[in-house]
N, C-alpha and C. Protein backbone atom coordinates (compact mmCIF):
# COMPACT_ATOMS: atom_id res chain seq x y z
N MET A 1 52.42 30.38 49.26
CA MET A 1 51.95 30.74 50.57
C MET A 1 51.78 32.24 50.68
N GLY A 2 52.59 33.01 49.98
CA GLY A 2 52.52 34.47 50.04
C GLY A 2 51.24 35.00 49.43
N LYS A 3 50.74 34.33 48.39
CA LYS A 3 49.49 34.78 47.77
C LYS A 3 48.32 34.58 48.72
N ILE A 4 48.33 33.48 49.45
CA ILE A 4 47.25 33.21 50.38
C ILE A 4 47.26 34.23 51.51
N ALA A 5 48.44 34.53 52.02
CA ALA A 5 48.54 35.50 53.11
C ALA A 5 48.11 36.88 52.66
N SER A 6 48.52 37.28 51.44
CA SER A 6 48.13 38.60 50.96
C SER A 6 46.63 38.65 50.68
N ALA A 7 46.04 37.55 50.26
CA ALA A 7 44.59 37.51 50.05
C ALA A 7 43.85 37.63 51.37
N ILE A 8 44.36 36.98 52.42
CA ILE A 8 43.72 37.06 53.74
C ILE A 8 43.81 38.49 54.28
N VAL A 9 44.98 39.12 54.10
CA VAL A 9 45.14 40.51 54.54
C VAL A 9 44.19 41.42 53.78
N ALA A 10 44.06 41.21 52.49
CA ALA A 10 43.16 42.05 51.68
C ALA A 10 41.71 41.90 52.12
N VAL A 11 41.30 40.67 52.37
CA VAL A 11 39.92 40.44 52.82
C VAL A 11 39.71 41.06 54.19
N ALA A 12 40.69 40.94 55.07
CA ALA A 12 40.55 41.51 56.41
C ALA A 12 40.46 43.04 56.35
N LEU A 13 41.26 43.66 55.48
CA LEU A 13 41.21 45.11 55.37
C LEU A 13 39.91 45.60 54.75
N VAL A 14 39.39 44.84 53.82
CA VAL A 14 38.14 45.26 53.18
C VAL A 14 36.94 45.06 54.10
N THR A 15 36.91 43.98 54.84
CA THR A 15 35.73 43.68 55.66
C THR A 15 35.81 44.29 57.06
N SER A 16 36.94 44.79 57.50
CA SER A 16 37.02 45.34 58.86
C SER A 16 36.13 46.56 59.08
N PRO A 17 35.97 47.48 58.13
CA PRO A 17 35.04 48.58 58.38
C PRO A 17 33.59 48.11 58.43
N LEU A 18 33.28 47.03 57.76
CA LEU A 18 31.90 46.54 57.75
C LEU A 18 31.55 45.80 59.03
N ALA A 19 32.55 45.29 59.73
CA ALA A 19 32.29 44.50 60.93
C ALA A 19 31.87 45.37 62.12
N LEU A 20 32.34 46.60 62.19
CA LEU A 20 32.02 47.48 63.31
C LEU A 20 31.27 48.72 62.81
N PRO A 21 29.95 48.67 62.78
CA PRO A 21 29.22 49.84 62.32
C PRO A 21 29.27 50.96 63.38
N VAL A 22 29.79 52.10 62.98
CA VAL A 22 29.92 53.25 63.86
C VAL A 22 29.34 54.45 63.12
N SER A 23 28.70 55.32 63.86
CA SER A 23 28.16 56.51 63.21
C SER A 23 29.31 57.37 62.69
N ALA A 24 29.10 58.03 61.57
CA ALA A 24 30.14 58.82 60.93
C ALA A 24 30.14 60.23 61.50
N ARG A 25 31.17 60.54 62.31
CA ARG A 25 31.35 61.88 62.86
C ARG A 25 32.81 62.24 62.74
N ALA A 26 33.07 63.47 62.38
CA ALA A 26 34.44 63.93 62.22
C ALA A 26 34.78 64.88 63.36
N GLU A 27 35.24 64.32 64.47
CA GLU A 27 35.60 65.13 65.62
C GLU A 27 37.04 64.80 66.05
N ASN A 28 37.72 65.80 66.49
CA ASN A 28 39.06 65.66 67.09
C ASN A 28 40.05 64.94 66.18
N GLY A 29 40.07 65.24 64.91
CA GLY A 29 41.08 64.70 64.00
C GLY A 29 40.83 63.27 63.56
N GLN A 30 39.60 62.80 63.59
CA GLN A 30 39.32 61.42 63.17
C GLN A 30 39.46 61.24 61.66
N ILE A 31 39.27 62.32 60.91
CA ILE A 31 39.45 62.21 59.46
C ILE A 31 40.93 61.94 59.16
N ALA A 32 41.81 62.65 59.83
CA ALA A 32 43.25 62.44 59.62
C ALA A 32 43.65 61.02 60.00
N ALA A 33 43.09 60.50 61.07
CA ALA A 33 43.41 59.13 61.48
C ALA A 33 42.92 58.12 60.43
N GLY A 34 41.76 58.39 59.86
CA GLY A 34 41.25 57.50 58.81
C GLY A 34 42.11 57.54 57.56
N VAL A 35 42.56 58.74 57.19
CA VAL A 35 43.40 58.87 55.99
C VAL A 35 44.74 58.19 56.22
N VAL A 36 45.34 58.42 57.39
CA VAL A 36 46.63 57.79 57.69
C VAL A 36 46.47 56.28 57.76
N GLY A 37 45.40 55.80 58.37
CA GLY A 37 45.17 54.35 58.44
C GLY A 37 44.98 53.75 57.06
N GLY A 38 44.27 54.47 56.19
CA GLY A 38 44.09 53.98 54.82
C GLY A 38 45.39 53.95 54.05
N LEU A 39 46.22 54.98 54.25
CA LEU A 39 47.51 55.00 53.57
C LEU A 39 48.42 53.87 54.05
N ILE A 40 48.44 53.64 55.34
CA ILE A 40 49.27 52.55 55.89
C ILE A 40 48.75 51.20 55.41
N GLY A 41 47.43 51.01 55.44
CA GLY A 41 46.86 49.74 54.96
C GLY A 41 47.14 49.53 53.48
N GLY A 42 47.02 50.60 52.70
CA GLY A 42 47.32 50.49 51.27
C GLY A 42 48.78 50.19 51.02
N ALA A 43 49.66 50.79 51.82
CA ALA A 43 51.09 50.51 51.67
C ALA A 43 51.41 49.06 52.01
N LEU A 44 50.78 48.56 53.06
CA LEU A 44 51.02 47.15 53.43
C LEU A 44 50.48 46.20 52.37
N LEU A 45 49.28 46.47 51.90
CA LEU A 45 48.69 45.60 50.89
C LEU A 45 49.46 45.70 49.58
N GLY A 46 49.83 46.90 49.17
CA GLY A 46 50.60 47.07 47.94
C GLY A 46 51.97 46.43 48.04
N GLY A 47 52.61 46.54 49.19
CA GLY A 47 53.91 45.90 49.37
C GLY A 47 53.81 44.38 49.34
N ALA A 48 52.73 43.84 49.90
CA ALA A 48 52.55 42.39 49.89
C ALA A 48 52.30 41.88 48.48
N LEU A 49 51.54 42.63 47.70
CA LEU A 49 51.23 42.18 46.34
C LEU A 49 52.38 42.43 45.37
N ALA A 50 53.17 43.47 45.61
CA ALA A 50 54.23 43.83 44.68
C ALA A 50 55.54 43.10 44.95
N SER A 51 55.65 42.39 46.05
CA SER A 51 56.93 41.77 46.40
C SER A 51 57.10 40.38 45.81
N ARG A 52 56.31 40.03 44.82
CA ARG A 52 56.48 38.73 44.18
C ARG A 52 57.76 38.72 43.37
N PRO A 53 58.48 37.61 43.35
CA PRO A 53 59.71 37.56 42.54
C PRO A 53 59.35 37.52 41.06
N PRO A 54 60.26 37.96 40.21
CA PRO A 54 59.98 37.94 38.77
C PRO A 54 59.91 36.50 38.26
N PRO A 55 59.21 36.26 37.18
CA PRO A 55 59.14 34.89 36.66
C PRO A 55 60.50 34.44 36.15
N PRO A 56 60.76 33.15 36.17
CA PRO A 56 62.05 32.66 35.69
C PRO A 56 62.18 32.89 34.18
N PRO A 57 63.40 33.00 33.70
CA PRO A 57 63.59 33.20 32.26
C PRO A 57 63.16 31.96 31.49
N PRO A 58 62.78 32.12 30.24
CA PRO A 58 62.38 30.94 29.45
C PRO A 58 63.57 30.01 29.25
N VAL A 59 63.28 28.75 29.20
CA VAL A 59 64.32 27.73 29.08
C VAL A 59 64.23 27.10 27.70
N TYR A 60 65.37 26.95 27.05
CA TYR A 60 65.42 26.33 25.72
C TYR A 60 65.83 24.88 25.86
N TYR A 61 65.04 24.00 25.29
CA TYR A 61 65.36 22.59 25.26
C TYR A 61 65.77 22.23 23.83
N ALA A 62 66.99 21.74 23.69
CA ALA A 62 67.49 21.36 22.37
C ALA A 62 66.76 20.10 21.91
N PRO A 63 66.46 20.00 20.62
CA PRO A 63 65.80 18.78 20.14
C PRO A 63 66.73 17.58 20.24
N ALA A 64 66.14 16.42 20.27
CA ALA A 64 66.93 15.20 20.37
C ALA A 64 67.77 15.02 19.11
N PRO A 65 68.98 14.50 19.24
CA PRO A 65 69.82 14.32 18.06
C PRO A 65 69.23 13.25 17.13
N VAL A 66 69.39 13.47 15.85
CA VAL A 66 68.91 12.53 14.85
C VAL A 66 70.12 11.91 14.18
N TYR A 67 70.14 10.60 14.18
CA TYR A 67 71.24 9.88 13.57
C TYR A 67 70.78 9.26 12.26
N ILE A 68 71.49 9.56 11.19
CA ILE A 68 71.18 9.00 9.89
C ILE A 68 72.23 7.95 9.60
N GLU A 69 71.74 6.75 9.40
CA GLU A 69 72.68 5.66 9.15
C GLU A 69 72.98 5.61 7.66
N GLU A 70 74.21 5.88 7.33
CA GLU A 70 74.64 5.86 5.94
C GLU A 70 75.38 4.55 5.67
N PRO A 71 75.32 4.11 4.45
CA PRO A 71 76.05 2.87 4.15
C PRO A 71 77.56 3.08 4.28
N ALA A 72 78.22 2.02 4.68
CA ALA A 72 79.67 2.09 4.84
C ALA A 72 80.32 2.04 3.45
N CYS A 73 81.13 3.04 3.15
CA CYS A 73 81.79 3.11 1.84
C CYS A 73 83.30 2.99 2.04
N ARG A 74 83.95 2.51 1.01
CA ARG A 74 85.40 2.38 1.06
C ARG A 74 85.96 2.63 -0.34
N LEU A 75 87.22 2.97 -0.39
CA LEU A 75 87.89 3.18 -1.67
C LEU A 75 88.66 1.91 -2.04
N VAL A 76 88.46 1.49 -3.29
CA VAL A 76 89.12 0.27 -3.77
C VAL A 76 89.93 0.63 -5.01
N ARG A 77 91.16 0.12 -5.07
CA ARG A 77 91.99 0.33 -6.26
C ARG A 77 91.52 -0.64 -7.34
N GLU A 78 91.32 -0.10 -8.52
CA GLU A 78 90.82 -0.92 -9.63
C GLU A 78 91.69 -0.69 -10.86
N ARG A 79 92.09 -1.79 -11.50
CA ARG A 79 92.87 -1.68 -12.74
C ARG A 79 91.92 -1.69 -13.92
N PHE A 80 92.22 -0.85 -14.89
CA PHE A 80 91.39 -0.83 -16.10
C PHE A 80 92.28 -0.55 -17.31
N TRP A 81 91.81 -0.95 -18.49
CA TRP A 81 92.53 -0.74 -19.75
C TRP A 81 91.96 0.50 -20.41
N ASP A 82 92.79 1.48 -20.69
CA ASP A 82 92.29 2.72 -21.28
C ASP A 82 92.53 2.77 -22.79
N GLY A 83 92.94 1.69 -23.38
CA GLY A 83 93.20 1.65 -24.82
C GLY A 83 94.67 1.75 -25.14
N TYR A 84 95.46 2.26 -24.22
CA TYR A 84 96.90 2.40 -24.43
C TYR A 84 97.70 1.53 -23.46
N GLY A 85 97.08 1.23 -22.31
CA GLY A 85 97.77 0.44 -21.30
C GLY A 85 96.91 0.32 -20.05
N TRP A 86 97.43 -0.45 -19.11
CA TRP A 86 96.68 -0.63 -17.86
C TRP A 86 96.89 0.58 -16.96
N GLN A 87 95.79 1.06 -16.39
CA GLN A 87 95.82 2.19 -15.46
C GLN A 87 95.18 1.74 -14.14
N VAL A 88 95.49 2.46 -13.10
CA VAL A 88 94.91 2.18 -11.77
C VAL A 88 94.14 3.42 -11.32
N ARG A 89 92.95 3.20 -10.86
CA ARG A 89 92.14 4.30 -10.31
C ARG A 89 91.48 3.84 -9.03
N ARG A 90 91.08 4.79 -8.24
CA ARG A 90 90.37 4.49 -6.99
C ARG A 90 88.87 4.66 -7.23
N VAL A 91 88.11 3.66 -6.80
CA VAL A 91 86.66 3.66 -6.98
C VAL A 91 86.03 3.51 -5.62
N GLN A 92 84.97 4.31 -5.35
CA GLN A 92 84.26 4.22 -4.09
C GLN A 92 83.22 3.10 -4.18
N VAL A 93 83.30 2.15 -3.27
CA VAL A 93 82.38 1.03 -3.22
C VAL A 93 81.58 1.10 -1.92
N CYS A 94 80.27 1.16 -2.05
CA CYS A 94 79.38 1.22 -0.87
C CYS A 94 78.65 -0.11 -0.74
N ASP A 95 78.57 -0.61 0.46
CA ASP A 95 77.89 -1.90 0.70
C ASP A 95 76.44 -1.67 0.99
């Protein structure tokens, strides 16, 4: 809504001198009034355009988690003959 209002103010300030054609004469301090009016109008227009809030900071979206399904493994005790006698070792068995 602020952009629309500032655009309307800008159009009104630009077209207002064109709406009332008056002969150009500099009598009794009219130049000073024009300069002051221009400065005030510029300050109002500049303040309306410059008062926009800063953009929001960028937002990081984490990627979706990825699940890798690994086979279920277990350790099994296994007896084996090593040439001298029976030994026991643990062997990983995956299904």
